[in-house]
């Protein structure tokens, strides 16, 4: 029961991050998210929210797998990397879509990619399946 409750908490936290990012996209004055769907390789606009929901739920499961694999102080570093990576992810949406600061967004995206790579390496030491899931998601 405790594991199920912690999974629900991880999914709820991830959904908050997704909602914060989605809110930023909706604030975009040019409706850029709609323009992406008109690109020949872009997905239809209606498919964007459910696809991101699946991606973020898989990210939540990855974090949860590490959470249930470790205990006490050994959890601090992997969870710190995980949550900083998520906060950077949410901030990128705001920087790029709402504030349209593309140079800062590129810097944040570069840092985010580095943190995702570090996150995969750190998760590998605690739970290989969590790391493989992140590779599948971000790879």
N, C-alpha and C. Protein backbone atom coordinates (compact mmCIF):
# COMPACT_ATOMS: atom_id res chain seq x y z
N UNK A 1 0.82 -1.20 0.00
CA UNK A 1 0.00 0.00 0.00
C UNK A 1 0.86 1.26 0.00
N UNK A 2 1.96 1.20 0.76
CA UNK A 2 2.85 2.36 0.84
C UNK A 2 3.52 2.64 -0.50
N UNK A 3 3.88 1.58 -1.23
CA UNK A 3 4.49 1.75 -2.56
C UNK A 3 3.49 2.36 -3.53
N UNK A 4 2.26 1.90 -3.48
CA UNK A 4 1.23 2.44 -4.38
C UNK A 4 0.99 3.93 -4.10
N UNK A 5 0.98 4.27 -2.82
CA UNK A 5 0.76 5.67 -2.45
C UNK A 5 1.92 6.54 -2.92
N UNK A 6 3.15 6.03 -2.80
CA UNK A 6 4.29 6.82 -3.26
C UNK A 6 4.27 6.98 -4.78
N UNK A 7 3.80 5.97 -5.51
CA UNK A 7 3.67 6.10 -6.97
C UNK A 7 2.65 7.17 -7.32
N UNK A 8 1.55 7.20 -6.62
CA UNK A 8 0.52 8.22 -6.85
C UNK A 8 1.09 9.62 -6.59
N UNK A 9 1.89 9.75 -5.55
CA UNK A 9 2.52 11.04 -5.23
C UNK A 9 3.47 11.46 -6.35
N UNK A 10 4.28 10.51 -6.84
CA UNK A 10 5.20 10.83 -7.94
C UNK A 10 4.43 11.26 -9.18
N UNK A 11 3.38 10.56 -9.50
CA UNK A 11 2.59 10.92 -10.69
C UNK A 11 1.93 12.29 -10.51
N UNK A 12 1.42 12.57 -9.31
CA UNK A 12 0.82 13.88 -9.06
C UNK A 12 1.85 15.00 -9.18
N UNK A 13 3.05 14.80 -8.65
CA UNK A 13 4.10 15.81 -8.77
C UNK A 13 4.47 16.05 -10.23
N UNK A 14 4.56 14.97 -10.98
CA UNK A 14 4.89 15.10 -12.40
C UNK A 14 3.77 15.83 -13.14
N UNK A 15 2.54 15.53 -12.80
CA UNK A 15 1.42 16.19 -13.47
C UNK A 15 1.40 17.68 -13.17
N UNK A 16 1.83 18.06 -11.98
CA UNK A 16 1.94 19.48 -11.65
C UNK A 16 2.98 20.14 -12.55
N UNK A 17 4.12 19.48 -12.72
CA UNK A 17 5.17 20.00 -13.62
C UNK A 17 4.62 20.13 -15.04
N UNK A 18 3.88 19.13 -15.49
CA UNK A 18 3.30 19.15 -16.83
C UNK A 18 2.29 20.29 -16.97
N UNK A 19 1.48 20.49 -15.96
CA UNK A 19 0.49 21.57 -16.02
C UNK A 19 1.16 22.94 -16.03
N UNK A 20 2.22 23.09 -15.25
CA UNK A 20 2.95 24.36 -15.23
C UNK A 20 3.55 24.63 -16.61
N UNK A 21 4.14 23.61 -17.21
CA UNK A 21 4.69 23.76 -18.55
C UNK A 21 3.61 24.03 -19.58
N UNK A 22 2.52 23.30 -19.48
CA UNK A 22 1.41 23.50 -20.42
C UNK A 22 0.81 24.88 -20.31
N UNK A 23 0.76 25.40 -19.11
CA UNK A 23 0.25 26.76 -18.90
C UNK A 23 1.13 27.76 -19.64
N UNK A 24 2.45 27.56 -19.55
CA UNK A 24 3.39 28.45 -20.24
C UNK A 24 3.17 28.40 -21.75
N UNK A 25 2.90 27.22 -22.27
CA UNK A 25 2.70 27.09 -23.71
C UNK A 25 1.44 27.81 -24.13
N UNK A 26 0.42 27.74 -23.30
CA UNK A 26 -0.82 28.44 -23.61
C UNK A 26 -0.68 29.95 -23.58
N UNK A 27 0.32 30.45 -22.85
CA UNK A 27 0.56 31.88 -22.77
C UNK A 27 1.35 32.42 -23.95
N UNK A 28 1.83 31.52 -24.78
CA UNK A 28 2.63 31.93 -25.93
C UNK A 28 1.79 32.82 -26.84
N UNK A 29 2.24 34.06 -27.07
CA UNK A 29 1.41 34.99 -27.85
C UNK A 29 1.25 34.59 -29.32
N UNK A 30 2.13 33.75 -29.81
CA UNK A 30 2.06 33.38 -31.22
C UNK A 30 1.44 32.01 -31.44
N UNK A 31 1.02 31.37 -30.37
CA UNK A 31 0.42 30.05 -30.52
C UNK A 31 1.37 29.06 -31.18
N UNK A 32 2.62 29.06 -30.76
CA UNK A 32 3.65 28.24 -31.41
C UNK A 32 3.32 26.76 -31.38
N UNK A 33 2.65 26.32 -30.35
CA UNK A 33 2.35 24.89 -30.26
C UNK A 33 1.46 24.47 -31.42
N UNK A 34 0.58 25.38 -31.87
CA UNK A 34 -0.27 25.06 -33.01
C UNK A 34 0.53 25.04 -34.30
N UNK A 35 1.55 25.87 -34.39
CA UNK A 35 2.39 25.89 -35.58
C UNK A 35 3.16 24.59 -35.74
N UNK A 36 3.54 23.97 -34.61
CA UNK A 36 4.28 22.72 -34.68
C UNK A 36 3.47 21.63 -35.37
N UNK A 37 2.17 21.66 -35.20
CA UNK A 37 1.34 20.60 -35.78
C UNK A 37 1.20 20.75 -37.29
N UNK A 38 1.56 21.92 -37.82
CA UNK A 38 1.46 22.12 -39.26
C UNK A 38 2.73 21.71 -40.01
N UNK A 39 3.77 21.42 -39.27
CA UNK A 39 5.00 20.94 -39.89
C UNK A 39 4.72 19.51 -40.38
N UNK A 40 5.28 19.15 -41.51
CA UNK A 40 4.94 17.86 -42.11
C UNK A 40 5.24 16.67 -41.20
N UNK A 41 6.23 16.78 -40.31
CA UNK A 41 6.54 15.67 -39.41
C UNK A 41 5.93 15.87 -38.03
N UNK A 42 5.23 16.98 -37.86
CA UNK A 42 4.62 17.28 -36.56
C UNK A 42 3.39 16.43 -36.32
N UNK A 43 3.08 16.26 -35.07
CA UNK A 43 1.87 15.51 -34.74
C UNK A 43 0.69 16.47 -34.67
N UNK A 44 -0.52 15.95 -34.84
CA UNK A 44 -1.70 16.82 -34.74
C UNK A 44 -1.77 17.49 -33.36
N UNK A 45 -2.27 18.70 -33.30
CA UNK A 45 -2.32 19.46 -32.05
C UNK A 45 -3.06 18.71 -30.95
N UNK A 46 -4.11 17.97 -31.30
CA UNK A 46 -4.88 17.27 -30.28
C UNK A 46 -4.08 16.13 -29.65
N UNK A 47 -3.03 15.66 -30.33
CA UNK A 47 -2.24 14.54 -29.83
C UNK A 47 -1.11 14.98 -28.89
N UNK A 48 -0.80 16.26 -28.89
CA UNK A 48 0.32 16.75 -28.08
C UNK A 48 0.08 16.54 -26.58
N UNK A 49 -1.05 16.98 -26.01
CA UNK A 49 -1.23 16.78 -24.56
C UNK A 49 -1.20 15.31 -24.11
N UNK A 50 -1.90 14.39 -24.79
CA UNK A 50 -1.84 13.00 -24.31
C UNK A 50 -0.45 12.38 -24.46
N UNK A 51 0.29 12.77 -25.51
CA UNK A 51 1.63 12.19 -25.67
C UNK A 51 2.56 12.69 -24.57
N UNK A 52 2.47 13.97 -24.22
CA UNK A 52 3.29 14.48 -23.12
C UNK A 52 2.87 13.87 -21.80
N UNK A 53 1.60 13.60 -21.63
CA UNK A 53 1.12 12.95 -20.41
C UNK A 53 1.76 11.57 -20.25
N UNK A 54 1.82 10.81 -21.32
CA UNK A 54 2.46 9.49 -21.27
C UNK A 54 3.94 9.63 -20.94
N UNK A 55 4.62 10.56 -21.60
CA UNK A 55 6.06 10.76 -21.36
C UNK A 55 6.30 11.12 -19.91
N UNK A 56 5.55 12.07 -19.39
CA UNK A 56 5.77 12.51 -18.01
C UNK A 56 5.39 11.43 -17.00
N UNK A 57 4.38 10.64 -17.28
CA UNK A 57 4.05 9.52 -16.38
C UNK A 57 5.18 8.49 -16.35
N UNK A 58 5.83 8.26 -17.48
CA UNK A 58 6.97 7.35 -17.52
C UNK A 58 8.15 7.93 -16.74
N UNK A 59 8.33 9.24 -16.80
CA UNK A 59 9.36 9.90 -15.99
C UNK A 59 9.05 9.72 -14.51
N UNK A 60 7.77 9.84 -14.14
CA UNK A 60 7.36 9.63 -12.75
C UNK A 60 7.66 8.20 -12.31
N UNK A 61 7.36 7.25 -13.14
CA UNK A 61 7.61 5.84 -12.81
C UNK A 61 9.11 5.60 -12.63
N UNK A 62 9.91 6.22 -13.47
CA UNK A 62 11.36 6.08 -13.35
C UNK A 62 11.85 6.60 -11.99
N UNK A 63 11.41 7.77 -11.60
CA UNK A 63 11.79 8.32 -10.30
C UNK A 63 11.28 7.47 -9.16
N UNK A 64 10.07 6.98 -9.30
CA UNK A 64 9.48 6.14 -8.26
C UNK A 64 10.25 4.83 -8.10
N UNK A 65 10.72 4.25 -9.20
CA UNK A 65 11.49 3.01 -9.12
C UNK A 65 12.76 3.20 -8.29
N UNK A 66 13.40 4.34 -8.44
CA UNK A 66 14.58 4.62 -7.61
C UNK A 66 14.16 4.88 -6.17
N UNK A 67 13.07 5.59 -5.99
CA UNK A 67 12.56 5.91 -4.65
C UNK A 67 12.32 4.64 -3.83
N UNK A 68 11.74 3.64 -4.45
CA UNK A 68 11.44 2.41 -3.70
C UNK A 68 12.65 1.49 -3.60
N UNK A 69 13.73 1.79 -4.33
CA UNK A 69 14.92 0.95 -4.32
C UNK A 69 15.94 1.36 -3.26
N UNK A 70 15.89 2.59 -2.84
CA UNK A 70 16.89 3.10 -1.91
C UNK A 70 16.20 3.58 -0.64
N UNK A 71 17.00 3.79 0.38
CA UNK A 71 16.45 4.25 1.65
C UNK A 71 17.34 5.32 2.26
N UNK A 72 16.73 6.14 3.08
CA UNK A 72 17.46 7.11 3.88
C UNK A 72 18.33 8.07 3.10
N UNK A 73 19.53 8.34 3.65
CA UNK A 73 20.41 9.35 3.06
C UNK A 73 20.87 9.03 1.64
N UNK A 74 20.89 7.76 1.27
CA UNK A 74 21.33 7.43 -0.09
C UNK A 74 20.34 7.89 -1.15
N UNK A 75 19.14 8.26 -0.74
CA UNK A 75 18.14 8.77 -1.67
C UNK A 75 18.32 10.24 -2.01
N UNK A 76 19.04 10.96 -1.18
CA UNK A 76 19.13 12.42 -1.33
C UNK A 76 19.70 12.82 -2.69
N UNK A 77 20.84 12.28 -3.06
CA UNK A 77 21.48 12.70 -4.31
C UNK A 77 20.66 12.32 -5.54
N UNK A 78 20.22 11.07 -5.69
CA UNK A 78 19.45 10.77 -6.91
C UNK A 78 18.15 11.57 -7.01
N UNK A 79 17.49 11.79 -5.89
CA UNK A 79 16.24 12.55 -5.94
C UNK A 79 16.51 14.03 -6.18
N UNK A 80 17.64 14.54 -5.68
CA UNK A 80 18.01 15.92 -5.93
C UNK A 80 18.24 16.13 -7.43
N UNK A 81 19.00 15.25 -8.05
CA UNK A 81 19.26 15.35 -9.50
C UNK A 81 17.94 15.24 -10.26
N UNK A 82 17.10 14.30 -9.87
CA UNK A 82 15.82 14.06 -10.53
C UNK A 82 14.91 15.30 -10.46
N UNK A 83 14.77 15.87 -9.28
CA UNK A 83 13.85 17.00 -9.13
C UNK A 83 14.41 18.30 -9.71
N UNK A 84 15.71 18.50 -9.65
CA UNK A 84 16.30 19.67 -10.30
C UNK A 84 16.08 19.57 -11.81
N UNK A 85 16.26 18.37 -12.34
CA UNK A 85 16.02 18.14 -13.76
C UNK A 85 14.57 18.44 -14.12
N UNK A 86 13.64 18.06 -13.26
CA UNK A 86 12.22 18.35 -13.52
C UNK A 86 11.92 19.84 -13.43
N UNK A 87 12.53 20.52 -12.47
CA UNK A 87 12.31 21.97 -12.34
C UNK A 87 12.88 22.72 -13.55
N UNK A 88 14.04 22.28 -14.01
CA UNK A 88 14.60 22.89 -15.22
C UNK A 88 13.70 22.63 -16.42
N UNK A 89 13.14 21.44 -16.46
CA UNK A 89 12.23 21.09 -17.55
C UNK A 89 11.04 22.04 -17.56
N UNK A 90 10.43 22.25 -16.40
CA UNK A 90 9.28 23.15 -16.31
C UNK A 90 9.68 24.59 -16.63
N UNK A 91 10.86 25.00 -16.18
CA UNK A 91 11.29 26.38 -16.44
C UNK A 91 11.56 26.60 -17.92
N UNK A 92 12.03 25.56 -18.61
CA UNK A 92 12.31 25.71 -20.05
C UNK A 92 11.04 26.11 -20.80
N UNK A 93 9.93 25.48 -20.49
CA UNK A 93 8.67 25.80 -21.16
C UNK A 93 8.34 27.29 -21.01
N UNK A 94 8.56 27.81 -19.80
CA UNK A 94 8.27 29.22 -19.54
C UNK A 94 9.23 30.12 -20.29
N UNK A 95 10.51 29.79 -20.24
CA UNK A 95 11.53 30.62 -20.88
C UNK A 95 11.32 30.65 -22.39
N UNK A 96 11.02 29.49 -22.97
CA UNK A 96 10.90 29.42 -24.43
C UNK A 96 9.55 29.92 -24.92
N UNK A 97 8.48 29.40 -24.36
CA UNK A 97 7.15 29.71 -24.90
C UNK A 97 6.57 31.01 -24.36
N UNK A 98 6.55 31.18 -23.04
CA UNK A 98 5.89 32.36 -22.47
C UNK A 98 6.75 33.62 -22.59
N UNK A 99 8.04 33.50 -22.28
CA UNK A 99 8.91 34.68 -22.29
C UNK A 99 9.66 34.84 -23.59
N UNK A 100 9.72 33.82 -24.40
CA UNK A 100 10.37 33.80 -25.71
C UNK A 100 11.80 34.32 -25.66
N UNK A 101 12.52 33.90 -24.64
CA UNK A 101 13.94 34.23 -24.53
C UNK A 101 14.71 33.02 -25.06
N UNK A 102 14.97 33.01 -26.36
CA UNK A 102 15.51 31.82 -27.01
C UNK A 102 16.95 31.52 -26.62
N UNK A 103 17.75 32.54 -26.38
CA UNK A 103 19.14 32.27 -26.00
C UNK A 103 19.20 31.66 -24.60
N UNK A 104 18.40 32.17 -23.67
CA UNK A 104 18.36 31.58 -22.33
C UNK A 104 17.75 30.18 -22.40
N UNK A 105 16.74 30.00 -23.23
CA UNK A 105 16.13 28.68 -23.38
C UNK A 105 17.13 27.67 -23.90
N UNK A 106 18.00 28.08 -24.81
CA UNK A 106 19.04 27.19 -25.32
C UNK A 106 20.03 26.80 -24.22
N UNK A 107 20.38 27.78 -23.38
CA UNK A 107 21.28 27.48 -22.26
C UNK A 107 20.63 26.52 -21.27
N UNK A 108 19.37 26.77 -20.95
CA UNK A 108 18.65 25.89 -20.02
C UNK A 108 18.50 24.51 -20.63
N UNK A 109 18.20 24.44 -21.91
CA UNK A 109 18.06 23.15 -22.60
C UNK A 109 19.37 22.38 -22.58
N UNK A 110 20.49 23.07 -22.78
CA UNK A 110 21.80 22.42 -22.73
C UNK A 110 22.06 21.86 -21.33
N UNK A 111 21.79 22.68 -20.32
CA UNK A 111 21.95 22.23 -18.93
C UNK A 111 20.99 21.08 -18.62
N UNK A 112 19.78 21.17 -19.13
CA UNK A 112 18.79 20.12 -18.93
C UNK A 112 19.26 18.80 -19.54
N UNK A 113 19.80 18.84 -20.73
CA UNK A 113 20.32 17.62 -21.36
C UNK A 113 21.45 17.02 -20.54
N UNK A 114 22.33 17.86 -20.02
CA UNK A 114 23.41 17.36 -19.16
C UNK A 114 22.85 16.71 -17.89
N UNK A 115 21.86 17.36 -17.30
CA UNK A 115 21.25 16.80 -16.08
C UNK A 115 20.51 15.50 -16.36
N UNK A 116 19.87 15.40 -17.50
CA UNK A 116 19.20 14.15 -17.86
C UNK A 116 20.23 13.03 -18.00
N UNK A 117 21.35 13.34 -18.64
CA UNK A 117 22.43 12.36 -18.78
C UNK A 117 22.96 11.95 -17.40
N UNK A 118 23.20 12.92 -16.53
CA UNK A 118 23.64 12.61 -15.16
C UNK A 118 22.59 11.81 -14.43
N UNK A 119 21.33 12.18 -14.61
CA UNK A 119 20.23 11.46 -13.97
C UNK A 119 20.21 9.99 -14.40
N UNK A 120 20.44 9.73 -15.66
CA UNK A 120 20.47 8.36 -16.17
C UNK A 120 21.61 7.59 -15.51
N UNK A 121 22.78 8.20 -15.44
CA UNK A 121 23.93 7.55 -14.82
C UNK A 121 23.67 7.27 -13.34
N UNK A 122 23.14 8.25 -12.63
CA UNK A 122 22.85 8.08 -11.20
C UNK A 122 21.79 7.00 -11.00
N UNK A 123 20.73 7.05 -11.79
CA UNK A 123 19.67 6.04 -11.65
C UNK A 123 20.19 4.65 -11.95
N UNK A 124 21.15 4.54 -12.86
CA UNK A 124 21.72 3.23 -13.22
C UNK A 124 22.32 2.55 -11.99
N UNK A 125 22.91 3.34 -11.10
CA UNK A 125 23.54 2.75 -9.91
C UNK A 125 22.51 2.28 -8.88
N UNK A 126 21.30 2.80 -8.95
CA UNK A 126 20.26 2.43 -7.99
C UNK A 126 19.26 1.43 -8.56
N UNK A 127 18.84 1.66 -9.78
CA UNK A 127 17.84 0.79 -10.40
C UNK A 127 17.99 0.89 -11.91
N UNK A 128 18.55 -0.14 -12.49
CA UNK A 128 18.83 -0.13 -13.93
C UNK A 128 17.59 0.09 -14.77
N UNK A 129 16.48 -0.48 -14.36
CA UNK A 129 15.24 -0.32 -15.14
C UNK A 129 14.79 1.14 -15.18
N UNK A 130 15.04 1.89 -14.11
CA UNK A 130 14.69 3.31 -14.09
C UNK A 130 15.56 4.08 -15.07
N UNK A 131 16.84 3.74 -15.14
CA UNK A 131 17.75 4.39 -16.08
C UNK A 131 17.38 4.05 -17.52
N UNK A 132 17.06 2.79 -17.77
CA UNK A 132 16.68 2.36 -19.12
C UNK A 132 15.39 3.07 -19.54
N UNK A 133 14.48 3.25 -18.62
CA UNK A 133 13.24 3.96 -18.92
C UNK A 133 13.53 5.41 -19.32
N UNK A 134 14.45 6.06 -18.63
CA UNK A 134 14.83 7.42 -18.99
C UNK A 134 15.50 7.47 -20.37
N UNK A 135 16.33 6.47 -20.65
CA UNK A 135 16.95 6.42 -21.98
C UNK A 135 15.88 6.25 -23.05
N UNK A 136 14.91 5.41 -22.79
CA UNK A 136 13.80 5.19 -23.73
C UNK A 136 13.02 6.50 -23.95
N UNK A 137 12.77 7.23 -22.87
CA UNK A 137 11.98 8.46 -22.95
C UNK A 137 12.75 9.57 -23.67
N UNK A 138 13.97 9.80 -23.22
CA UNK A 138 14.73 10.94 -23.71
C UNK A 138 15.62 10.61 -24.90
N UNK A 139 15.86 9.32 -25.10
CA UNK A 139 16.78 8.90 -26.16
C UNK A 139 16.17 9.07 -27.47
